[in-house]
Amino acid sequence: MSILANQAQSVRPHVPASQPPPWPEALRNAVRDADELCRLLQLPSAQAAEIRKAADGFPLFVTREYLARVRRGDGHDPLLRQVLPVSDELIAVPGDLQDPVGDGAALLSPGVLRKYHGRALLVTTGACAVHCRYCFRRHFPYETAPRGLAAWDRALAAIEADPACREVILSGGDPLTLVDSTLAALAERIALIPQVQRLRVHTRLPIVLPQRVTGELIAWLRSTRLTPWVVVHANHPRELDDAVAAALARLVDAGIPVLNQAVLLRGVNDELRALVELCERLTALRVVPYYLHHLDRVAGAAHFAVPIEEGRLLVAGLRERLPGYAVPQYVEERAGAEYKLALA
């Protein structure tokens, strides 16, 4: 056996003997209640009132699989901080917006965004498996997006009318909250558009609900002539436990390239050690650290903001400690820009 084969085997995770519930059941059983969250994580019961108030406009929602990685009794845990509604969300900050990246102006048709040359993005659903408190689409009007396959006719016609479109991105919400039969049918229809060559899926489910990476998912990703890419979203190395590692391995072993996007977040990953460990863990799992996003200025998330100069110093530290392929691009998305802007 070659040295490379031995190395690949060495990073493949141990799969626990106990089987998790099927992903639809796990999604239905996600935590939505402030009192339950406090009980499960051993937080002060008095904190439930603050959680309920902060979650009034953007509800609490998080899978139990994700919460299992959170340290009990630690209200500052970097994983918990990403999903915990707090009173800071209610503070109005000048310059923060409900649509910080210009999604509204980029609407080509209901459910279709075209921001960058050669790509179109489908807002497939408003549902997610976790409500990240820094989400740039926390105020998006999901009710305007098509529902059901028949409703996508107009959107797909708009993509077909663009001869430059080479890639379609499935986004949301999270597209993998939809069942595989629906996604397979949508992928087949996209594959009928002759100029489209690639299908990219942006999803957090392999991270927060790893059992979502099923044989059926992999089958439809590979079933069309389109080249599939999967982009996941992990911000901290502790999100990448053995179950997540096994899910990512299923995708990579099937020949599907996997990239990771992270967001630079105060109190989550704004220290060099956390970012180094995240990038090293990703590369060990054969996942490319793709982007490190500067926080979008979405209303309700200002308490996560890290100054750009601080972000640049962190990326410089990554370059000193990691090989080039393990250093993500530090970028910012600005409304109306023709591409993501490199910050370092």
Protein backbone atom coordinates (compact mmCIF):
# COMPACT_ATOMS: atom_id res chain seq x y z
CA MET A 1 0.00 0.00 0.00
CA SER A 2 1.33 3.48 -0.87
CA ILE A 3 2.28 6.13 1.67
CA LEU A 4 -0.58 8.33 0.44
CA ALA A 5 -3.08 5.53 0.95
CA ASN A 6 -1.79 4.97 4.47
CA GLN A 7 -2.15 8.69 5.20
CA ALA A 8 -5.72 8.74 3.87
CA GLN A 9 -6.62 5.78 6.07
CA SER A 10 -5.05 7.42 9.12
CA VAL A 11 -7.42 10.42 9.03
CA ARG A 12 -10.60 8.47 8.41
CA PRO A 13 -12.69 8.66 11.55
CA HIS A 14 -14.02 5.95 13.79
CA VAL A 15 -17.79 5.63 13.26
CA PRO A 16 -19.74 5.18 16.51
CA ALA A 17 -21.62 1.91 16.89
CA SER A 18 -24.89 3.59 17.91
CA GLN A 19 -26.97 4.80 15.01
CA PRO A 20 -28.34 8.37 15.04
CA PRO A 21 -32.01 8.93 14.15
CA PRO A 22 -32.82 9.43 10.46
CA TRP A 23 -32.21 13.01 9.47
CA PRO A 24 -35.89 14.02 8.98
CA GLU A 25 -36.66 12.82 12.50
CA ALA A 26 -33.62 14.61 13.90
CA LEU A 27 -34.69 17.80 12.16
CA ARG A 28 -38.19 17.55 13.62
CA ASN A 29 -36.67 17.05 17.09
CA ALA A 30 -34.44 20.13 16.94
CA VAL A 31 -34.47 22.41 19.98
CA ARG A 32 -36.78 25.41 19.64
CA ASP A 33 -37.58 26.18 23.27
CA ALA A 34 -35.50 28.46 25.49
CA ASP A 35 -36.26 26.55 28.68
CA GLU A 36 -35.24 23.27 27.07
CA LEU A 37 -32.01 24.79 25.79
CA CYS A 38 -31.12 26.05 29.27
CA ARG A 39 -31.90 22.66 30.79
CA LEU A 40 -29.90 20.69 28.23
CA LEU A 41 -26.85 22.96 28.49
CA GLN A 42 -27.08 23.62 32.22
CA LEU A 43 -27.45 27.36 31.74
CA PRO A 44 -29.16 29.55 34.35
CA SER A 45 -32.93 29.15 34.02
CA ALA A 46 -33.31 32.94 34.29
CA GLN A 47 -31.50 33.23 30.94
CA ALA A 48 -34.50 31.73 29.15
CA ALA A 49 -36.37 35.05 29.29
CA GLU A 50 -33.52 36.85 27.49
CA ILE A 51 -33.36 34.06 24.89
CA ARG A 52 -37.09 34.28 24.20
CA LYS A 53 -36.99 38.06 23.81
CA ALA A 54 -33.97 37.99 21.50
CA ALA A 55 -35.48 35.18 19.43
CA ASP A 56 -38.78 36.97 18.84
CA GLY A 57 -37.92 38.03 15.29
CA PHE A 58 -35.47 35.23 14.45
CA PRO A 59 -36.41 32.06 16.33
CA LEU A 60 -34.12 29.73 18.23
CA PHE A 61 -33.54 26.54 16.22
CA VAL A 62 -30.65 24.10 16.61
CA THR A 63 -30.16 20.36 16.21
CA ARG A 64 -29.42 18.15 19.20
CA GLU A 65 -26.47 16.71 17.30
CA TYR A 66 -24.87 20.15 17.29
CA LEU A 67 -25.72 20.87 20.93
CA ALA A 68 -24.03 17.61 21.95
CA ARG A 69 -20.68 19.28 21.14
CA VAL A 70 -21.33 22.31 23.35
CA ARG A 71 -19.69 22.48 26.79
CA ARG A 72 -22.33 22.29 29.52
CA GLY A 73 -22.60 25.28 31.80
CA ASP A 74 -20.45 27.50 29.57
CA GLY A 75 -22.47 30.42 28.22
CA HIS A 76 -19.41 31.60 26.26
CA ASP A 77 -18.75 28.33 24.47
CA PRO A 78 -17.80 29.21 20.85
CA LEU A 79 -20.28 26.72 19.42
CA LEU A 80 -23.11 27.89 21.64
CA ARG A 81 -22.37 31.52 20.85
CA GLN A 82 -23.21 30.87 17.19
CA VAL A 83 -26.77 29.73 17.94
CA LEU A 84 -27.70 31.41 21.24
CA PRO A 85 -30.10 34.38 20.97
CA VAL A 86 -28.82 37.23 23.16
CA SER A 87 -30.01 40.74 23.99
CA ASP A 88 -27.21 42.29 21.89
CA GLU A 89 -29.24 41.32 18.82
CA LEU A 90 -31.86 43.90 19.78
CA ILE A 91 -29.42 46.84 19.75
CA ALA A 92 -29.73 48.99 16.62
CA VAL A 93 -26.30 49.76 15.15
CA PRO A 94 -25.91 52.56 12.57
CA GLY A 95 -24.92 51.17 9.19
CA ASP A 96 -26.28 47.68 9.75
CA LEU A 97 -28.82 46.50 7.19
CA GLN A 98 -31.50 43.89 6.71
CA ASP A 99 -30.04 43.10 3.26
CA PRO A 100 -26.31 43.75 3.65
CA VAL A 101 -25.17 41.88 0.52
CA GLY A 102 -27.72 43.24 -1.96
CA ASP A 103 -29.78 40.10 -2.48
CA GLY A 104 -32.85 42.15 -3.36
CA ALA A 105 -31.12 44.06 -6.13
CA ALA A 106 -29.67 40.80 -7.53
CA LEU A 107 -33.04 39.09 -8.04
CA LEU A 108 -33.21 37.87 -11.62
CA SER A 109 -36.55 36.14 -11.01
CA PRO A 110 -38.33 35.02 -7.83
CA GLY A 111 -35.88 32.64 -6.12
CA VAL A 112 -32.97 33.36 -8.50
CA LEU A 113 -30.06 35.65 -7.65
CA ARG A 114 -27.42 36.66 -10.17
CA LYS A 115 -24.57 38.61 -8.61
CA TYR A 116 -21.49 37.32 -10.40
CA HIS A 117 -20.75 36.54 -14.03
CA GLY A 118 -21.40 32.94 -15.05
CA ARG A 119 -23.27 31.91 -11.89
CA ALA A 120 -26.86 31.85 -10.70
CA LEU A 121 -28.05 31.09 -7.17
CA LEU A 122 -31.35 29.41 -6.34
CA VAL A 123 -32.91 30.21 -2.96
CA THR A 124 -34.44 26.76 -2.68
CA THR A 125 -36.00 27.09 0.78
CA GLY A 126 -36.06 29.25 3.88
CA ALA A 127 -35.59 26.25 6.18
CA CYS A 128 -32.31 25.49 7.98
CA ALA A 129 -31.20 22.91 10.52
CA VAL A 130 -29.76 25.66 12.72
CA HIS A 131 -30.43 29.38 12.99
CA CYS A 132 -26.97 30.93 13.08
CA ARG A 133 -27.32 34.27 14.87
CA TYR A 134 -25.00 36.04 12.38
CA CYS A 135 -26.92 34.83 9.29
CA PHE A 136 -26.84 37.42 6.51
CA ARG A 137 -30.25 36.20 5.30
CA ARG A 138 -32.00 36.32 8.68
CA HIS A 139 -34.32 39.03 7.24
CA PHE A 140 -34.70 37.56 3.72
CA PRO A 141 -38.31 37.43 2.36
CA TYR A 142 -38.37 33.67 1.84
CA GLU A 143 -42.09 33.74 1.19
CA THR A 144 -41.32 35.16 -2.27
CA ALA A 145 -39.22 32.14 -3.32
CA PRO A 146 -40.84 29.36 -5.41
CA ARG A 147 -42.23 26.34 -3.56
CA GLY A 148 -42.42 22.98 -5.28
CA LEU A 149 -40.91 21.85 -8.57
CA ALA A 150 -43.62 23.32 -10.79
CA ALA A 151 -42.99 26.74 -9.29
CA TRP A 152 -39.37 26.68 -10.47
CA ASP A 153 -40.28 26.88 -14.19
CA ARG A 154 -39.87 30.66 -14.35
CA ALA A 155 -36.62 30.61 -12.40
CA LEU A 156 -35.06 27.92 -14.57
CA ALA A 157 -36.21 29.73 -17.71
CA ALA A 158 -34.38 32.85 -16.47
CA ILE A 159 -31.19 30.81 -16.04
CA GLU A 160 -31.57 29.22 -19.47
CA ALA A 161 -31.92 32.68 -21.01
CA ASP A 162 -28.43 33.61 -19.77
CA PRO A 163 -25.93 32.03 -22.20
CA ALA A 164 -23.02 32.89 -19.87
CA CYS A 165 -24.35 30.87 -16.92
CA ARG A 166 -21.98 27.95 -16.29
CA GLU A 167 -22.84 27.17 -12.69
CA VAL A 168 -25.99 26.94 -10.58
CA ILE A 169 -25.72 27.22 -6.80
CA LEU A 170 -28.35 25.66 -4.55
CA SER A 171 -28.68 27.77 -1.43
CA GLY A 172 -31.35 28.94 1.00
CA GLY A 173 -31.98 28.55 3.89
CA ASP A 174 -30.34 25.20 3.40
CA PRO A 175 -31.14 23.12 0.31
CA LEU A 176 -30.43 19.85 2.15
CA THR A 177 -33.49 20.38 4.35
CA LEU A 178 -35.40 19.32 1.21
CA VAL A 179 -35.88 15.63 0.54
CA ASP A 180 -33.58 13.90 -1.94
CA SER A 181 -36.34 13.14 -4.45
CA THR A 182 -37.11 16.85 -4.80
CA LEU A 183 -33.44 17.79 -5.09
CA ALA A 184 -32.78 15.02 -7.60
CA ALA A 185 -35.64 16.22 -9.80
CA LEU A 186 -34.39 19.82 -9.58
CA ALA A 187 -30.84 18.73 -10.47
CA GLU A 188 -32.16 16.83 -13.50
CA ARG A 189 -33.98 19.93 -14.72
CA ILE A 190 -30.91 22.11 -14.26
CA ALA A 191 -28.87 19.56 -16.22
CA LEU A 192 -31.19 20.13 -19.20
CA ILE A 193 -29.88 23.70 -19.51
CA PRO A 194 -27.07 23.15 -22.02
CA GLN A 195 -24.66 25.90 -20.96
CA VAL A 196 -24.66 24.93 -17.26
CA GLN A 197 -21.65 22.76 -16.38
CA ARG A 198 -21.51 22.72 -12.58
CA LEU A 199 -23.92 22.27 -9.69
CA ARG A 200 -22.78 23.71 -6.36
CA VAL A 201 -24.59 22.98 -3.08
CA HIS A 202 -24.10 25.35 -0.14
CA THR A 203 -25.08 23.62 3.08
CA ARG A 204 -24.46 23.52 6.82
CA LEU A 205 -26.28 20.21 7.33
CA PRO A 206 -23.23 17.91 7.09
CA ILE A 207 -21.85 19.92 10.02
CA VAL A 208 -24.95 20.28 12.23
CA LEU A 209 -26.77 17.09 11.13
CA PRO A 210 -24.16 14.71 9.70
CA GLN A 211 -26.58 11.82 9.10
CA ARG A 212 -28.03 13.95 6.29
CA VAL A 213 -25.18 12.73 4.05
CA THR A 214 -26.98 9.62 2.81
CA GLY A 215 -26.43 7.29 -0.08
CA GLU A 216 -29.44 8.88 -1.77
CA LEU A 217 -27.85 12.33 -1.49
CA ILE A 218 -24.61 11.15 -3.03
CA ALA A 219 -26.49 9.28 -5.76
CA TRP A 220 -28.36 12.32 -7.08
CA LEU A 221 -25.29 14.54 -6.80
CA ARG A 222 -23.52 12.14 -9.17
CA SER A 223 -26.49 11.22 -11.34
CA THR A 224 -26.40 14.04 -13.90
CA ARG A 225 -23.79 15.27 -16.37
CA LEU A 226 -23.13 18.27 -14.09
CA THR A 227 -19.96 18.39 -12.00
CA PRO A 228 -21.06 18.54 -8.35
CA TRP A 229 -19.37 20.65 -5.68
CA VAL A 230 -20.38 20.83 -2.03
CA VAL A 231 -19.54 23.83 0.14
CA VAL A 232 -20.01 23.32 3.88
CA HIS A 233 -19.83 25.82 6.73
CA ALA A 234 -17.82 25.22 9.89
CA ASN A 235 -16.36 28.04 11.97
CA HIS A 236 -14.62 26.20 14.81
CA PRO A 237 -12.63 22.95 14.99
CA ARG A 238 -14.93 21.47 17.65
CA GLU A 239 -17.75 21.44 15.11
CA LEU A 240 -15.82 18.72 13.24
CA ASP A 241 -16.38 15.69 15.48
CA ASP A 242 -16.15 12.07 14.38
CA ALA A 243 -19.70 11.92 13.01
CA VAL A 244 -19.12 15.03 10.91
CA ALA A 245 -15.76 13.66 9.75
CA ALA A 246 -17.45 10.45 8.60
CA ALA A 247 -20.12 12.43 6.72
CA LEU A 248 -17.51 14.52 4.93
CA ALA A 249 -15.53 11.39 4.10
CA ARG A 250 -18.60 9.88 2.42
CA LEU A 251 -18.78 12.86 0.09
CA VAL A 252 -15.05 12.98 -0.67
CA ASP A 253 -14.78 9.22 -1.15
CA ALA A 254 -17.59 9.50 -3.71
CA GLY A 255 -15.45 11.88 -5.76
CA ILE A 256 -17.35 15.03 -4.77
CA PRO A 257 -15.08 18.01 -4.01
CA VAL A 258 -15.85 19.62 -0.64
CA LEU A 259 -14.92 23.16 0.34
CA ASN A 260 -15.48 25.00 3.62
CA GLN A 261 -16.60 28.56 4.18
CA ALA A 262 -16.14 30.12 7.60
CA VAL A 263 -17.11 33.51 9.00
CA LEU A 264 -14.74 35.44 11.25
CA LEU A 265 -16.74 35.89 14.46
CA ARG A 266 -15.95 37.66 17.71
CA GLY A 267 -15.91 35.16 20.56
CA VAL A 268 -15.97 32.16 18.21
CA ASN A 269 -12.83 31.98 16.07
CA ASP A 270 -11.15 35.38 16.42
CA GLU A 271 -7.94 33.89 17.77
CA LEU A 272 -5.12 32.34 15.78
CA ARG A 273 -5.10 28.98 17.56
CA ALA A 274 -8.77 28.30 16.74
CA LEU A 275 -8.30 29.19 13.07
CA VAL A 276 -5.13 27.10 12.74
CA GLU A 277 -6.86 24.10 14.33
CA LEU A 278 -9.89 24.57 12.08
CA CYS A 279 -7.82 24.67 8.90
CA GLU A 280 -5.65 21.74 9.94
CA ARG A 281 -8.69 19.65 10.84
CA LEU A 282 -10.37 20.45 7.53
CA THR A 283 -7.32 19.52 5.46
CA ALA A 284 -6.90 16.29 7.44
CA LEU A 285 -10.46 15.46 6.37
CA ARG A 286 -9.63 16.35 2.73
CA VAL A 287 -11.82 19.46 2.82
CA VAL A 288 -10.40 22.66 1.34
CA PRO A 289 -10.51 25.79 3.54
CA TYR A 290 -12.07 28.00 0.88
CA TYR A 291 -13.20 31.33 2.33
CA LEU A 292 -12.94 33.16 5.62
CA HIS A 293 -15.70 35.75 5.35
CA HIS A 294 -15.60 39.14 6.97
CA LEU A 295 -18.91 39.49 8.81
CA ASP A 296 -21.75 40.89 6.71
CA ARG A 297 -23.29 43.94 8.38
CA VAL A 298 -26.68 42.37 8.94
CA ALA A 299 -28.94 43.92 11.55
CA GLY A 300 -28.77 41.95 14.78
CA ALA A 301 -25.22 40.59 14.43
CA ALA A 302 -22.94 43.53 15.23
CA HIS A 303 -21.70 41.86 18.43
CA PHE A 304 -19.89 39.29 16.23
CA ALA A 305 -17.92 41.93 14.30
CA VAL A 306 -14.12 41.74 14.08
CA PRO A 307 -12.23 44.74 12.57
CA ILE A 308 -10.72 44.09 9.14
CA GLU A 309 -7.20 44.90 10.33
CA GLU A 310 -7.51 42.29 13.06
CA GLY A 311 -8.70 39.78 10.46
CA ARG A 312 -5.70 40.57 8.27
CA LEU A 313 -3.32 39.90 11.13
CA LEU A 314 -4.99 36.56 11.78
CA VAL A 315 -4.67 35.54 8.12
CA ALA A 316 -1.02 36.59 8.14
CA GLY A 317 -0.56 34.30 11.13
CA LEU A 318 -2.19 31.45 9.21
CA ARG A 319 0.23 31.97 6.32
CA GLU A 320 3.16 31.72 8.71
CA ARG A 321 1.96 28.42 10.16
CA LEU A 322 0.18 26.56 7.35
CA PRO A 323 0.84 25.50 3.75
CA GLY A 324 -0.78 27.71 1.14
CA TYR A 325 -3.56 25.26 0.31
CA ALA A 326 -4.69 25.29 3.95
CA VAL A 327 -5.09 29.09 4.19
CA PRO A 328 -8.57 30.36 3.28
CA GLN A 329 -9.09 33.56 1.31
CA TYR A 330 -10.16 36.42 3.59
CA VAL A 331 -12.99 38.09 1.68
CA GLU A 332 -15.89 40.47 2.00
CA GLU A 333 -19.10 40.52 0.00
CA ARG A 334 -20.31 44.02 -0.81
CA ALA A 335 -23.65 44.84 -2.36
CA GLY A 336 -23.30 45.59 -6.06
CA ALA A 337 -19.69 44.37 -6.35
CA GLU A 338 -18.89 42.12 -9.32
CA TYR A 339 -16.97 39.62 -7.16
CA LYS A 340 -16.03 39.01 -3.53
CA LEU A 341 -13.33 41.43 -2.46
CA ALA A 342 -10.05 40.03 -1.15
CA LEU A 343 -9.06 41.67 2.13
CA ALA A 344 -5.64 40.12 2.65
